[in-house]
Amino acid sequence: MKLYRFITGPDDSAFCHRVTAALNKGWSLAGPGSLTFDPVQGRVICGQPISKEVEGADYAPDMKLSDW
């Protein structure tokens, strides 16, 4: 099965650590990252798509993808 996630968050070190942790759990970058500015909160928001191949498991809509 192939899993997909889109990690989002403020442009800070915590966001980078979340992406790094996912990469170290076997996830791969699934495209370019993105940035947008939130004028209400006055900060930049990052997004990074990631994906992961998992053998021997079937997808279910109630899966918590961050556990994989």
Protein backbone atom coordinates (compact mmCIF):
# COMPACT_ATOMS: atom_id res chain seq x y z
CA MET A 1 0.00 0.00 0.00
CA LYS A 2 1.16 3.55 -0.61
CA LEU A 3 0.47 6.16 2.07
CA TYR A 4 0.34 9.93 1.58
CA ARG A 5 0.54 12.79 4.07
CA PHE A 6 0.78 16.55 3.77
CA ILE A 7 2.59 17.99 6.78
CA THR A 8 1.81 21.64 7.54
CA GLY A 9 2.84 24.11 10.18
CA PRO A 10 4.49 27.42 10.94
CA ASP A 11 7.87 28.05 9.29
CA ASP A 12 9.97 27.14 12.31
CA SER A 13 12.37 24.48 13.52
CA ALA A 14 9.49 22.35 14.87
CA PHE A 15 8.14 21.97 11.31
CA CYS A 16 11.58 20.91 10.05
CA HIS A 17 11.87 18.40 12.91
CA ARG A 18 8.47 16.90 12.02
CA VAL A 19 9.52 16.40 8.39
CA THR A 20 12.93 15.04 9.47
CA ALA A 21 11.28 12.58 11.87
CA ALA A 22 8.99 11.33 9.10
CA LEU A 23 11.93 10.89 6.71
CA ASN A 24 13.74 8.87 9.36
CA LYS A 25 10.65 6.62 9.73
CA GLY A 26 10.87 5.69 6.04
CA TRP A 27 8.69 8.39 4.48
CA SER A 28 9.93 10.08 1.29
CA LEU A 29 9.38 13.56 -0.08
CA ALA A 30 6.49 13.39 -2.54
CA GLY A 31 6.94 16.73 -4.26
CA PRO A 32 8.15 20.22 -3.57
CA GLY A 33 7.38 21.99 -0.33
CA SER A 34 5.16 25.05 -0.31
CA LEU A 35 4.95 28.30 1.63
CA THR A 36 2.11 30.73 2.16
CA PHE A 37 1.67 33.77 4.34
CA ASP A 38 -1.12 33.88 6.91
CA PRO A 39 -1.91 37.61 7.24
CA VAL A 40 -4.23 37.05 10.22
CA GLN A 41 -1.50 35.43 12.31
CA GLY A 42 1.32 37.31 10.58
CA ARG A 43 3.44 34.24 9.87
CA VAL A 44 4.59 31.95 7.10
CA ILE A 45 3.02 28.46 6.91
CA CYS A 46 4.96 25.56 5.35
CA GLY A 47 3.66 22.42 3.69
CA GLN A 48 5.50 19.28 2.60
CA PRO A 49 3.94 16.26 0.90
CA ILE A 50 5.40 12.88 1.87
CA SER A 51 4.62 9.29 0.92
CA LYS A 52 5.57 5.81 2.05
CA GLU A 53 5.28 2.29 0.64
CA VAL A 54 4.16 -0.29 3.21
CA GLU A 55 4.25 -3.97 2.29
CA GLY A 56 1.82 -6.48 3.74
CA ALA A 57 -0.80 -3.99 4.92
CA ASP A 58 -4.08 -2.79 3.47
CA TYR A 59 -5.32 0.77 3.53
CA ALA A 60 -8.29 1.71 5.71
CA PRO A 61 -9.79 5.21 6.01
CA ASP A 62 -9.54 5.15 9.81
CA MET A 63 -5.75 4.58 9.82
CA LYS A 64 -3.67 7.11 11.72
CA LEU A 65 -1.07 7.76 9.02
CA SER A 66 1.43 9.38 11.38
CA ASP A 67 1.77 6.03 13.20
CA TRP A 68 3.31 4.39 10.14
